[in-house]
Structure formats: C-alpha cells, structure tokens
C-alpha cells in the first residue's frame, strides 16, 4: 500500500529502463490488466494514451518524508482502505 493509496506506475527516476507497476493492493486484480496495458503502451510508444501523472512512482521524492512517515501513512491507508469517506 502506498502512502496516498494510489498505484505506482511509470519509469523510476535515475534507473534507465526500470518501470514500475505496483501498489495495486486492494484493487490489484481488477486494475492490473489496465495498468499492464497502459504501461506496455508507454514503454513501446513513448507515452500512454491516458494521463498517468497522478501515479508517478517518483511523486514522494520531493516531499521530504522520512521512511517512518511513509510507513505510517501506508499503514493508515491499509487499515482504512474499506472505510467509506
């Protein structure tokens, strides 16, 4: 589970050729085929046909969160995954 409850989809910063598709915990089975499709499209054509910027795997890099803060946020997301908001 990610700290914000969203998937991580896209290229990893600083590691050429390393792509991520993870964080699909609660919705993994239902979203995995779509995630795989758009990630494959992105890798083979240079860009996905939909906006995946909210799923950028590097989105936490500039937030200055400690490993403990990320862990606690992820635990909260997991514990409250099915709580209506």
PDB file of N, CA and C in Angstrom:
ATOM      1  N   UNK A   1       0.860  -1.172   0.000  1.00  0.00           N
ATOM      2  CA  UNK A   1       0.000   0.000   0.000  1.00  0.00           C
ATOM      3  C   UNK A   1       0.900   1.227   0.000  1.00  0.00           C
ATOM      4  N   UNK A   2       0.574   2.179  -0.827  1.00  0.00           N
ATOM      5  CA  UNK A   2       1.351   3.414  -0.853  1.00  0.00           C
ATOM      6  C   UNK A   2       0.836   4.398   0.182  1.00  0.00           C
ATOM      7  N   UNK A   3       1.613   5.416   0.442  1.00  0.00           N
ATOM      8  CA  UNK A   3       1.260   6.398   1.474  1.00  0.00           C
ATOM      9  C   UNK A   3       0.011   7.195   1.124  1.00  0.00           C
ATOM     10  N   UNK A   4      -0.312   7.310  -0.169  1.00  0.00           N
ATOM     11  CA  UNK A   4      -1.514   8.056  -0.556  1.00  0.00           C
ATOM     12  C   UNK A   4      -2.610   7.154  -1.116  1.00  0.00           C
ATOM     13  N   UNK A   5      -2.387   5.847  -1.081  1.00  0.00           N
ATOM     14  CA  UNK A   5      -3.403   4.902  -1.522  1.00  0.00           C
ATOM     15  C   UNK A   5      -3.519   4.745  -3.036  1.00  0.00           C
ATOM     16  N   UNK A   6      -2.626   5.370  -3.784  1.00  0.00           N
ATOM     17  CA  UNK A   6      -2.665   5.256  -5.243  1.00  0.00           C
ATOM     18  C   UNK A   6      -1.539   4.360  -5.735  1.00  0.00           C
ATOM     19  N   UNK A   7      -1.703   3.835  -6.922  1.00  0.00           N
ATOM     20  CA  UNK A   7      -0.708   2.962  -7.519  1.00  0.00           C
ATOM     21  C   UNK A   7       0.565   3.722  -7.859  1.00  0.00           C
ATOM     22  N   UNK A   8       1.615   2.967  -8.116  1.00  0.00           N
ATOM     23  CA  UNK A   8       2.877   3.496  -8.638  1.00  0.00           C
ATOM     24  C   UNK A   8       3.023   2.923 -10.044  1.00  0.00           C
ATOM     25  N   UNK A   9       2.943   3.781 -11.059  1.00  0.00           N
ATOM     26  CA  UNK A   9       3.001   3.316 -12.447  1.00  0.00           C
ATOM     27  C   UNK A   9       3.862   4.272 -13.253  1.00  0.00           C
ATOM     28  N   UNK A  10       4.930   3.734 -13.843  1.00  0.00           N
ATOM     29  CA  UNK A  10       5.771   4.542 -14.704  1.00  0.00           C
ATOM     30  C   UNK A  10       7.243   4.264 -14.498  1.00  0.00           C
ATOM     31  N   UNK A  11       8.071   5.064 -15.152  1.00  0.00           N
ATOM     32  CA  UNK A  11       9.516   4.854 -15.057  1.00  0.00           C
ATOM     33  C   UNK A  11      10.068   5.342 -13.718  1.00  0.00           C
ATOM     34  N   UNK A  12      11.064   4.627 -13.222  1.00  0.00           N
ATOM     35  CA  UNK A  12      11.747   5.018 -11.991  1.00  0.00           C
ATOM     36  C   UNK A  12      12.823   6.041 -12.335  1.00  0.00           C
ATOM     37  N   UNK A  13      12.849   7.129 -11.603  1.00  0.00           N
ATOM     38  CA  UNK A  13      13.858   8.171 -11.836  1.00  0.00           C
ATOM     39  C   UNK A  13      15.247   7.624 -11.523  1.00  0.00           C
ATOM     40  N   UNK A  14      16.186   7.917 -12.402  1.00  0.00           N
ATOM     41  CA  UNK A  14      17.574   7.569 -12.151  1.00  0.00           C
ATOM     42  C   UNK A  14      17.973   6.144 -12.481  1.00  0.00           C
ATOM     43  N   UNK A  15      17.033   5.341 -12.971  1.00  0.00           N
ATOM     44  CA  UNK A  15      17.359   3.957 -13.328  1.00  0.00           C
ATOM     45  C   UNK A  15      16.811   3.697 -14.733  1.00  0.00           C
ATOM     46  N   UNK A  16      17.647   3.851 -15.734  1.00  0.00           N
ATOM     47  CA  UNK A  16      17.208   3.677 -17.111  1.00  0.00           C
ATOM     48  C   UNK A  16      16.614   2.291 -17.340  1.00  0.00           C
ATOM     49  N   UNK A  17      15.448   2.278 -17.959  1.00  0.00           N
ATOM     50  CA  UNK A  17      14.807   1.018 -18.321  1.00  0.00           C
ATOM     51  C   UNK A  17      14.065   0.321 -17.203  1.00  0.00           C
ATOM     52  N   UNK A  18      13.992   0.935 -16.022  1.00  0.00           N
ATOM     53  CA  UNK A  18      13.283   0.308 -14.897  1.00  0.00           C
ATOM     54  C   UNK A  18      11.908   0.954 -14.771  1.00  0.00           C
ATOM     55  N   UNK A  19      10.876   0.167 -14.989  1.00  0.00           N
ATOM     56  CA  UNK A  19       9.492   0.634 -14.940  1.00  0.00           C
ATOM     57  C   UNK A  19       8.774  -0.036 -13.778  1.00  0.00           C
ATOM     58  N   UNK A  20       7.832   0.681 -13.185  1.00  0.00           N
ATOM     59  CA  UNK A  20       7.094   0.134 -12.049  1.00  0.00           C
ATOM     60  C   UNK A  20       5.607   0.047 -12.348  1.00  0.00           C
ATOM     61  N   UNK A  21       5.004  -0.979 -11.799  1.00  0.00           N
ATOM     62  CA  UNK A  21       3.550  -1.151 -11.780  1.00  0.00           C
ATOM     63  C   UNK A  21       3.257  -1.883 -10.480  1.00  0.00           C
ATOM     64  N   UNK A  22       3.027  -1.119  -9.424  1.00  0.00           N
ATOM     65  CA  UNK A  22       2.873  -1.721  -8.102  1.00  0.00           C
ATOM     66  C   UNK A  22       1.952  -0.867  -7.233  1.00  0.00           C
ATOM     67  N   UNK A  23       1.719  -1.308  -6.029  1.00  0.00           N
ATOM     68  CA  UNK A  23       0.837  -0.586  -5.115  1.00  0.00           C
ATOM     69  C   UNK A  23      -0.632  -0.872  -5.392  1.00  0.00           C
ATOM     70  N   UNK A  24      -0.909  -1.976  -6.084  1.00  0.00           N
ATOM     71  CA  UNK A  24      -2.276  -2.321  -6.501  1.00  0.00           C
ATOM     72  C   UNK A  24      -3.018  -3.158  -5.458  1.00  0.00           C
ATOM     73  N   UNK A  25      -2.694  -3.024  -4.214  1.00  0.00           N
ATOM     74  CA  UNK A  25      -3.179  -3.931  -3.180  1.00  0.00           C
ATOM     75  C   UNK A  25      -4.660  -4.282  -3.248  1.00  0.00           C
ATOM     76  N   UNK A  26      -5.516  -3.448  -2.783  1.00  0.00           N
ATOM     77  CA  UNK A  26      -6.940  -3.778  -2.699  1.00  0.00           C
ATOM     78  C   UNK A  26      -7.614  -3.922  -4.049  1.00  0.00           C
ATOM     79  N   UNK A  27      -7.140  -3.217  -5.027  1.00  0.00           N
ATOM     80  CA  UNK A  27      -7.773  -3.237  -6.346  1.00  0.00           C
ATOM     81  C   UNK A  27      -6.889  -3.899  -7.398  1.00  0.00           C
ATOM     82  N   UNK A  28      -5.873  -4.591  -6.959  1.00  0.00           N
ATOM     83  CA  UNK A  28      -4.892  -5.164  -7.869  1.00  0.00           C
ATOM     84  C   UNK A  28      -5.458  -6.063  -8.942  1.00  0.00           C
ATOM     85  N   UNK A  29      -6.333  -6.970  -8.580  1.00  0.00           N
ATOM     86  CA  UNK A  29      -6.875  -7.890  -9.572  1.00  0.00           C
ATOM     87  C   UNK A  29      -7.730  -7.163 -10.599  1.00  0.00           C
ATOM     88  N   UNK A  30      -8.501  -6.200 -10.162  1.00  0.00           N
ATOM     89  CA  UNK A  30      -9.380  -5.507 -11.103  1.00  0.00           C
ATOM     90  C   UNK A  30      -8.650  -4.466 -11.945  1.00  0.00           C
ATOM     91  N   UNK A  31      -7.567  -3.902 -11.441  1.00  0.00           N
ATOM     92  CA  UNK A  31      -6.852  -2.864 -12.183  1.00  0.00           C
ATOM     93  C   UNK A  31      -5.633  -3.369 -12.942  1.00  0.00           C
ATOM     94  N   UNK A  32      -5.136  -4.542 -12.614  1.00  0.00           N
ATOM     95  CA  UNK A  32      -3.855  -4.984 -13.152  1.00  0.00           C
ATOM     96  C   UNK A  32      -3.829  -5.093 -14.672  1.00  0.00           C
ATOM     97  N   UNK A  33      -4.905  -5.517 -15.279  1.00  0.00           N
ATOM     98  CA  UNK A  33      -4.890  -5.633 -16.746  1.00  0.00           C
ATOM     99  C   UNK A  33      -4.798  -4.262 -17.402  1.00  0.00           C
ATOM    100  N   UNK A  34      -5.515  -3.297 -16.888  1.00  0.00           N
ATOM    101  CA  UNK A  34      -5.438  -1.937 -17.429  1.00  0.00           C
ATOM    102  C   UNK A  34      -4.089  -1.295 -17.182  1.00  0.00           C
ATOM    103  N   UNK A  35      -3.555  -1.499 -15.990  1.00  0.00           N
ATOM    104  CA  UNK A  35      -2.227  -0.967 -15.661  1.00  0.00           C
ATOM    105  C   UNK A  35      -1.193  -1.565 -16.608  1.00  0.00           C
ATOM    106  N   UNK A  36      -1.253  -2.863 -16.806  1.00  0.00           N
ATOM    107  CA  UNK A  36      -0.323  -3.525 -17.713  1.00  0.00           C
ATOM    108  C   UNK A  36      -0.448  -3.023 -19.140  1.00  0.00           C
ATOM    109  N   UNK A  37      -1.677  -2.818 -19.585  1.00  0.00           N
ATOM    110  CA  UNK A  37      -1.908  -2.325 -20.942  1.00  0.00           C
ATOM    111  C   UNK A  37      -1.266  -0.956 -21.150  1.00  0.00           C
ATOM    112  N   UNK A  38      -1.574  -0.013 -20.255  1.00  0.00           N
ATOM    113  CA  UNK A  38      -1.064   1.352 -20.427  1.00  0.00           C
ATOM    114  C   UNK A  38       0.437   1.443 -20.179  1.00  0.00           C
ATOM    115  N   UNK A  39       0.967   0.623 -19.290  1.00  0.00           N
ATOM    116  CA  UNK A  39       2.410   0.615 -19.077  1.00  0.00           C
ATOM    117  C   UNK A  39       3.121   0.063 -20.320  1.00  0.00           C
ATOM    118  N   UNK A  40       2.600  -1.012 -20.893  1.00  0.00           N
ATOM    119  CA  UNK A  40       3.182  -1.567 -22.120  1.00  0.00           C
ATOM    120  C   UNK A  40       3.098  -0.552 -23.263  1.00  0.00           C
ATOM    121  N   UNK A  41       1.971   0.130 -23.355  1.00  0.00           N
ATOM    122  CA  UNK A  41       1.809   1.175 -24.377  1.00  0.00           C
ATOM    123  C   UNK A  41       2.854   2.274 -24.188  1.00  0.00           C
ATOM    124  N   UNK A  42       3.054   2.687 -22.958  1.00  0.00           N
ATOM    125  CA  UNK A  42       4.008   3.742 -22.632  1.00  0.00           C
ATOM    126  C   UNK A  42       5.435   3.323 -22.991  1.00  0.00           C
ATOM    127  N   UNK A  43       5.778   2.093 -22.636  1.00  0.00           N
ATOM    128  CA  UNK A  43       7.121   1.593 -22.901  1.00  0.00           C
ATOM    129  C   UNK A  43       7.372   1.471 -24.407  1.00  0.00           C
ATOM    130  N   UNK A  44       6.387   1.003 -25.151  1.00  0.00           N
ATOM    131  CA  UNK A  44       6.598   0.748 -26.575  1.00  0.00           C
ATOM    132  C   UNK A  44       6.401   1.957 -27.472  1.00  0.00           C
ATOM    133  N   UNK A  45       5.588   2.938 -27.032  1.00  0.00           N
ATOM    134  CA  UNK A  45       5.323   4.096 -27.895  1.00  0.00           C
ATOM    135  C   UNK A  45       5.928   5.394 -27.377  1.00  0.00           C
ATOM    136  N   UNK A  46       6.349   5.408 -26.127  1.00  0.00           N
ATOM    137  CA  UNK A  46       6.938   6.612 -25.554  1.00  0.00           C
ATOM    138  C   UNK A  46       6.008   7.410 -24.676  1.00  0.00           C
ATOM    139  N   UNK A  47       4.697   7.116 -24.725  1.00  0.00           N
ATOM    140  CA  UNK A  47       3.746   7.797 -23.839  1.00  0.00           C
ATOM    141  C   UNK A  47       2.451   6.987 -23.774  1.00  0.00           C
ATOM    142  N   UNK A  48       1.768   7.055 -22.631  1.00  0.00           N
ATOM    143  CA  UNK A  48       0.479   6.372 -22.529  1.00  0.00           C
ATOM    144  C   UNK A  48      -0.607   7.227 -23.183  1.00  0.00           C
ATOM    145  N   UNK A  49      -1.675   6.607 -23.614  1.00  0.00           N
ATOM    146  CA  UNK A  49      -2.761   7.354 -24.255  1.00  0.00           C
ATOM    147  C   UNK A  49      -3.698   8.007 -23.241  1.00  0.00           C
ATOM    148  N   UNK A  50      -3.484   7.751 -21.955  1.00  0.00           N
ATOM    149  CA  UNK A  50      -4.220   8.438 -20.891  1.00  0.00           C
ATOM    150  C   UNK A  50      -3.211   9.064 -19.938  1.00  0.00           C
ATOM    151  N   UNK A  51      -3.672  10.033 -19.162  1.00  0.00           N
ATOM    152  CA  UNK A  51      -2.792  10.723 -18.218  1.00  0.00           C
ATOM    153  C   UNK A  51      -2.572   9.855 -16.979  1.00  0.00           C
ATOM    154  N   UNK A  52      -1.339   9.424 -16.779  1.00  0.00           N
ATOM    155  CA  UNK A  52      -0.982   8.626 -15.609  1.00  0.00           C
ATOM    156  C   UNK A  52      -0.117   9.410 -14.629  1.00  0.00           C
ATOM    157  N   UNK A  53      -0.078  10.721 -14.769  1.00  0.00           N
ATOM    158  CA  UNK A  53       0.822  11.536 -13.944  1.00  0.00           C
ATOM    159  C   UNK A  53       0.533  11.430 -12.444  1.00  0.00           C
ATOM    160  N   UNK A  54      -0.718  11.186 -12.067  1.00  0.00           N
ATOM    161  CA  UNK A  54      -1.037  11.050 -10.642  1.00  0.00           C
ATOM    162  C   UNK A  54      -0.472   9.766 -10.044  1.00  0.00           C
ATOM    163  N   UNK A  55      -0.024   8.856 -10.900  1.00  0.00           N
ATOM    164  CA  UNK A  55       0.511   7.580 -10.432  1.00  0.00           C
ATOM    165  C   UNK A  55       2.033   7.522 -10.521  1.00  0.00           C
ATOM    166  N   UNK A  56       2.660   8.660 -10.761  1.00  0.00           N
ATOM    167  CA  UNK A  56       4.116   8.743 -10.910  1.00  0.00           C
ATOM    168  C   UNK A  56       4.820   8.092  -9.719  1.00  0.00           C
ATOM    169  N   UNK A  57       5.643   7.066  -9.957  1.00  0.00           N
ATOM    170  CA  UNK A  57       6.319   6.406  -8.847  1.00  0.00           C
ATOM    171  C   UNK A  57       7.319   7.282  -8.112  1.00  0.00           C
ATOM    172  N   UNK A  58       7.645   8.425  -8.681  1.00  0.00           N
ATOM    173  CA  UNK A  58       8.622   9.326  -8.057  1.00  0.00           C
ATOM    174  C   UNK A  58       7.961  10.471  -7.290  1.00  0.00           C
ATOM    175  N   UNK A  59       6.649  10.403  -7.109  1.00  0.00           N
ATOM    176  CA  UNK A  59       5.911  11.533  -6.524  1.00  0.00           C
ATOM    177  C   UNK A  59       6.235  11.809  -5.055  1.00  0.00           C
ATOM    178  N   UNK A  60       6.806  10.860  -4.357  1.00  0.00           N
ATOM    179  CA  UNK A  60       7.139  11.073  -2.950  1.00  0.00           C
ATOM    180  C   UNK A  60       8.548  11.629  -2.755  1.00  0.00           C
ATOM    181  N   UNK A  61       9.337  11.649  -3.809  1.00  0.00           N
ATOM    182  CA  UNK A  61      10.747  12.031  -3.705  1.00  0.00           C
ATOM    183  C   UNK A  61      10.948  13.453  -3.184  1.00  0.00           C
ATOM    184  N   UNK A  62      10.100  14.383  -3.564  1.00  0.00           N
ATOM    185  CA  UNK A  62      10.278  15.786  -3.184  1.00  0.00           C
ATOM    186  C   UNK A  62       9.500  16.192  -1.933  1.00  0.00           C
ATOM    187  N   UNK A  63       8.835  15.247  -1.299  1.00  0.00           N
ATOM    188  CA  UNK A  63       8.011  15.586  -0.134  1.00  0.00           C
ATOM    189  C   UNK A  63       8.791  15.622   1.172  1.00  0.00           C
ATOM    190  N   UNK A  64       9.998  15.123   1.169  1.00  0.00           N
ATOM    191  CA  UNK A  64      10.813  15.159   2.375  1.00  0.00           C
ATOM    192  C   UNK A  64      10.289  14.295   3.501  1.00  0.00           C
ATOM    193  N   UNK A  65       9.552  13.253   3.159  1.00  0.00           N
ATOM    194  CA  UNK A  65       9.019  12.361   4.185  1.00  0.00           C
ATOM    195  C   UNK A  65      10.082  11.346   4.587  1.00  0.00           C
ATOM    196  N   UNK A  66      10.148  11.075   5.853  1.00  0.00           N
ATOM    197  CA  UNK A  66      11.080  10.059   6.338  1.00  0.00           C
ATOM    198  C   UNK A  66      10.506   8.678   6.025  1.00  0.00           C
ATOM    199  N   UNK A  67      11.347   7.674   6.135  1.00  0.00           N
ATOM    200  CA  UNK A  67      10.887   6.300   5.937  1.00  0.00           C
ATOM    201  C   UNK A  67       9.780   5.971   6.937  1.00  0.00           C
ATOM    202  N   UNK A  68       9.908   6.458   8.148  1.00  0.00           N
ATOM    203  CA  UNK A  68       8.884   6.218   9.177  1.00  0.00           C
ATOM    204  C   UNK A  68       7.561   6.878   8.791  1.00  0.00           C
ATOM    205  N   UNK A  69       7.601   8.115   8.295  1.00  0.00           N
ATOM    206  CA  UNK A  69       6.371   8.809   7.879  1.00  0.00           C
ATOM    207  C   UNK A  69       5.693   8.095   6.710  1.00  0.00           C
ATOM    208  N   UNK A  70       6.482   7.650   5.747  1.00  0.00           N
ATOM    209  CA  UNK A  70       5.917   6.896   4.627  1.00  0.00           C
ATOM    210  C   UNK A  70       5.290   5.594   5.118  1.00  0.00           C
ATOM    211  N   UNK A  71       5.977   4.916   6.028  1.00  0.00           N
ATOM    212  CA  UNK A  71       5.464   3.654   6.561  1.00  0.00           C
ATOM    213  C   UNK A  71       4.162   3.872   7.311  1.00  0.00           C
ATOM    214  N   UNK A  72       4.114   4.878   8.173  1.00  0.00           N
ATOM    215  CA  UNK A  72       2.899   5.148   8.946  1.00  0.00           C
ATOM    216  C   UNK A  72       1.732   5.543   8.044  1.00  0.00           C
ATOM    217  N   UNK A  73       2.007   6.322   7.012  1.00  0.00           N
ATOM    218  CA  UNK A  73       0.954   6.707   6.063  1.00  0.00           C
ATOM    219  C   UNK A  73       0.431   5.487   5.316  1.00  0.00           C
ATOM    220  N   UNK A  74       1.315   4.604   4.918  1.00  0.00           N
ATOM    221  CA  UNK A  74       0.909   3.389   4.217  1.00  0.00           C
ATOM    222  C   UNK A  74       0.091   2.478   5.135  1.00  0.00           C
ATOM    223  N   UNK A  75       0.489   2.373   6.389  1.00  0.00           N
ATOM    224  CA  UNK A  75      -0.273   1.569   7.349  1.00  0.00           C
ATOM    225  C   UNK A  75      -1.672   2.150   7.525  1.00  0.00           C
ATOM    226  N   UNK A  76      -1.773   3.475   7.621  1.00  0.00           N
ATOM    227  CA  UNK A  76      -3.086   4.106   7.751  1.00  0.00           C
ATOM    228  C   UNK A  76      -3.943   3.807   6.518  1.00  0.00           C
ATOM    229  N   UNK A  77      -3.361   3.926   5.335  1.00  0.00           N
ATOM    230  CA  UNK A  77      -4.105   3.633   4.104  1.00  0.00           C
ATOM    231  C   UNK A  77      -4.622   2.198   4.128  1.00  0.00           C
ATOM    232  N   UNK A  78      -3.784   1.272   4.523  1.00  0.00           N
ATOM    233  CA  UNK A  78      -4.170  -0.133   4.570  1.00  0.00           C
ATOM    234  C   UNK A  78      -5.292  -0.365   5.577  1.00  0.00           C
ATOM    235  N   UNK A  79      -5.138   0.190   6.763  1.00  0.00           N
ATOM    236  CA  UNK A  79      -6.124  -0.002   7.829  1.00  0.00           C
ATOM    237  C   UNK A  79      -7.469   0.634   7.497  1.00  0.00           C
ATOM    238  N   UNK A  80      -7.471   1.679   6.683  1.00  0.00           N
ATOM    239  CA  UNK A  80      -8.697   2.408   6.379  1.00  0.00           C
ATOM    240  C   UNK A  80      -9.164   2.233   4.931  1.00  0.00           C
ATOM    241  N   UNK A  81      -8.636   1.216   4.263  1.00  0.00           N
ATOM    242  CA  UNK A  81      -8.924   1.028   2.843  1.00  0.00           C
ATOM    243  C   UNK A  81     -10.417   0.913   2.552  1.00  0.00           C
ATOM    244  N   UNK A  82     -11.134   0.197   3.389  1.00  0.00           N
ATOM    245  CA  UNK A  82     -12.564  -0.031   3.140  1.00  0.00           C
ATOM    246  C   UNK A  82     -13.475   0.892   3.939  1.00  0.00           C
ATOM    247  N   UNK A  83     -12.912   1.877   4.616  1.00  0.00           N
ATOM    248  CA  UNK A  83     -13.724   2.817   5.380  1.00  0.00           C
ATOM    249  C   UNK A  83     -14.331   3.824   4.405  1.00  0.00           C
ATOM    250  N   UNK A  84     -15.657   3.979   4.398  1.00  0.00           N
ATOM    251  CA  UNK A  84     -16.273   4.975   3.497  1.00  0.00           C
ATOM    252  C   UNK A  84     -15.782   6.382   3.833  1.00  0.00           C
ATOM    253  N   UNK A  85     -15.548   7.146   2.813  1.00  0.00           N
ATOM    254  CA  UNK A  85     -15.061   8.519   3.037  1.00  0.00           C
ATOM    255  C   UNK A  85     -16.079   9.520   2.624  1.00  0.00           C
TER     256      UNK A  85
END
